Protein backbone atom coordinates (compact mmCIF):
# COMPACT_ATOMS: atom_id res chain seq x y z
CA MET A 1 -12.11 -27.23 15.75
CA ASP A 2 -9.51 -28.14 18.37
CA LEU A 3 -7.80 -24.94 19.41
CA LYS A 4 -4.63 -26.65 20.61
CA SER A 5 -4.05 -28.31 17.27
CA TYR A 6 -4.93 -25.08 15.42
CA PHE A 7 -2.38 -22.94 17.31
CA ARG A 8 0.20 -25.80 17.09
CA LYS A 9 -0.16 -25.77 13.31
CA VAL A 10 0.13 -21.97 13.25
CA LYS A 11 3.29 -22.02 15.39
CA ASP A 12 4.83 -24.83 13.31
CA LEU A 13 4.16 -22.82 10.14
CA GLU A 14 5.55 -19.65 11.75
CA ARG A 15 8.87 -21.40 12.37
CA LYS A 16 9.12 -22.10 8.65
CA TYR A 17 9.23 -18.40 7.76
CA GLN A 18 11.91 -16.10 9.19
CA GLU A 19 10.71 -12.80 7.71
CA ARG A 20 8.73 -10.35 9.81
CA ASP A 21 6.18 -9.88 7.02
CA ILE A 22 5.16 -12.36 4.36
CA TYR A 23 3.15 -12.11 1.15
CA VAL A 24 0.08 -14.30 0.75
CA VAL A 25 -2.40 -14.81 -2.05
CA SER A 26 -6.04 -15.28 -1.13
CA ILE A 27 -7.99 -18.40 -2.04
CA ALA A 28 -11.69 -18.39 -2.94
CA THR A 29 -13.79 -19.52 -0.04
CA GLN A 30 -17.42 -20.38 0.62
CA ASP A 31 -17.90 -17.26 2.74
CA GLY A 32 -17.08 -14.87 -0.08
CA GLY A 33 -13.29 -14.87 -0.11
CA LYS A 34 -11.92 -13.57 -3.38
CA ASP A 35 -9.30 -15.60 -5.25
CA GLY A 36 -5.90 -14.15 -6.27
CA VAL A 37 -5.60 -11.05 -4.06
CA LEU A 38 -1.98 -10.64 -3.02
CA THR A 39 -1.34 -8.95 0.36
CA GLN A 40 1.61 -8.24 2.66
CA VAL A 41 0.75 -9.36 6.17
CA SER A 42 2.56 -10.15 9.41
CA ARG A 43 4.02 -13.64 9.70
CA ARG A 44 1.45 -14.58 12.36
CA VAL A 45 -1.59 -13.45 10.39
CA GLY A 46 -0.28 -15.05 7.18
CA CYS A 47 0.21 -18.37 8.95
CA GLN A 48 -3.27 -18.21 10.46
CA LEU A 49 -4.75 -17.54 6.99
CA MET A 50 -2.85 -20.49 5.53
CA VAL A 51 -3.89 -22.87 8.33
CA GLU A 52 -7.51 -21.76 7.85
CA GLY A 53 -7.23 -22.46 4.13
CA LYS A 54 -7.96 -18.86 3.15
CA ALA A 55 -4.55 -18.06 1.63
CA ARG A 56 -1.33 -19.54 0.24
CA ILE A 57 2.18 -18.20 0.27
CA ALA A 58 3.00 -16.05 -2.78
CA ASN A 59 5.78 -17.12 -5.14
CA GLU A 60 8.76 -14.90 -5.99
CA GLN A 61 7.32 -13.73 -9.34
CA GLU A 62 4.04 -12.64 -7.67
CA VAL A 63 5.92 -10.77 -4.96
CA ALA A 64 8.15 -8.98 -7.48
CA GLN A 65 5.14 -7.88 -9.53
CA PHE A 66 3.28 -6.70 -6.36
CA VAL A 67 6.27 -4.69 -5.12
CA ALA A 68 6.71 -3.08 -8.56
CA ASP A 69 3.00 -2.19 -8.76
CA GLN A 70 3.07 -0.70 -5.23
CA ALA A 71 6.15 1.38 -6.12
CA ALA A 72 4.48 2.69 -9.30
CA ARG A 73 1.34 3.59 -7.32
CA ARG A 74 3.39 5.33 -4.66
CA VAL A 75 5.20 7.46 -7.28
CA ALA A 76 1.92 8.35 -9.01
CA HIS A 77 0.40 9.34 -5.67
CA GLU A 78 3.39 11.46 -4.70
CA LYS A 79 3.21 13.26 -8.08
CA GLN A 80 -0.49 13.92 -7.60
CA GLU A 81 0.18 15.23 -4.09
CA ALA A 82 2.91 17.56 -5.40
CA VAL A 83 0.58 18.93 -8.10
CA SER A 84 -2.14 19.62 -5.56
CA ARG A 85 0.29 21.57 -3.38
CA ILE A 86 1.14 24.08 -6.16
CA GLN A 87 -0.50 27.39 -5.34
CA VAL A 88 -1.13 30.23 -7.71
CA GLN A 89 -2.20 33.62 -6.51
CA VAL A 90 -3.87 36.11 -8.80
CA ILE A 91 -3.89 39.68 -7.63
CA SER A 92 -6.30 42.11 -9.21
CA ASP A 93 -5.17 45.77 -9.39
CA PRO A 94 -7.83 47.70 -11.37
CA LEU A 95 -6.65 51.11 -10.07
CA GLY A 96 -2.97 50.51 -10.69
CA LEU A 97 -2.03 51.02 -7.05
CA LEU A 98 0.40 48.15 -6.91
CA ARG A 99 2.56 49.40 -9.77
CA SER A 100 5.72 51.13 -8.68
CA GLU A 101 6.73 54.25 -10.55
CA PRO A 102 10.09 54.06 -12.33
CA ALA A 103 12.96 55.79 -10.42
CA GLY A 104 13.61 59.40 -11.39
CA LYS A 105 10.11 60.17 -12.56
CA GLU A 106 8.36 62.54 -10.17
């Protein structure tokens, strides 16, 4: 592979996208790449993956679904974290030493 042409293609493709991060969908490859995995990557990495034929740019519907799924996962994770932070303390007082006597009874 000619490195000059490779990086020229990457730079040309980078100019096409203005966003800092882009969403790409993986393409099945001979070396074990899995088809259909959507990922948010930097513009540079996304363009490299597209030039190498390992990914394609995601369409708007795929991006919307991905963002909604990530938001739902984030909410579920935050709920689970909140539940795990709840602390309960059980104090055993078999001799009754922690009970306070009512006022006026001596």
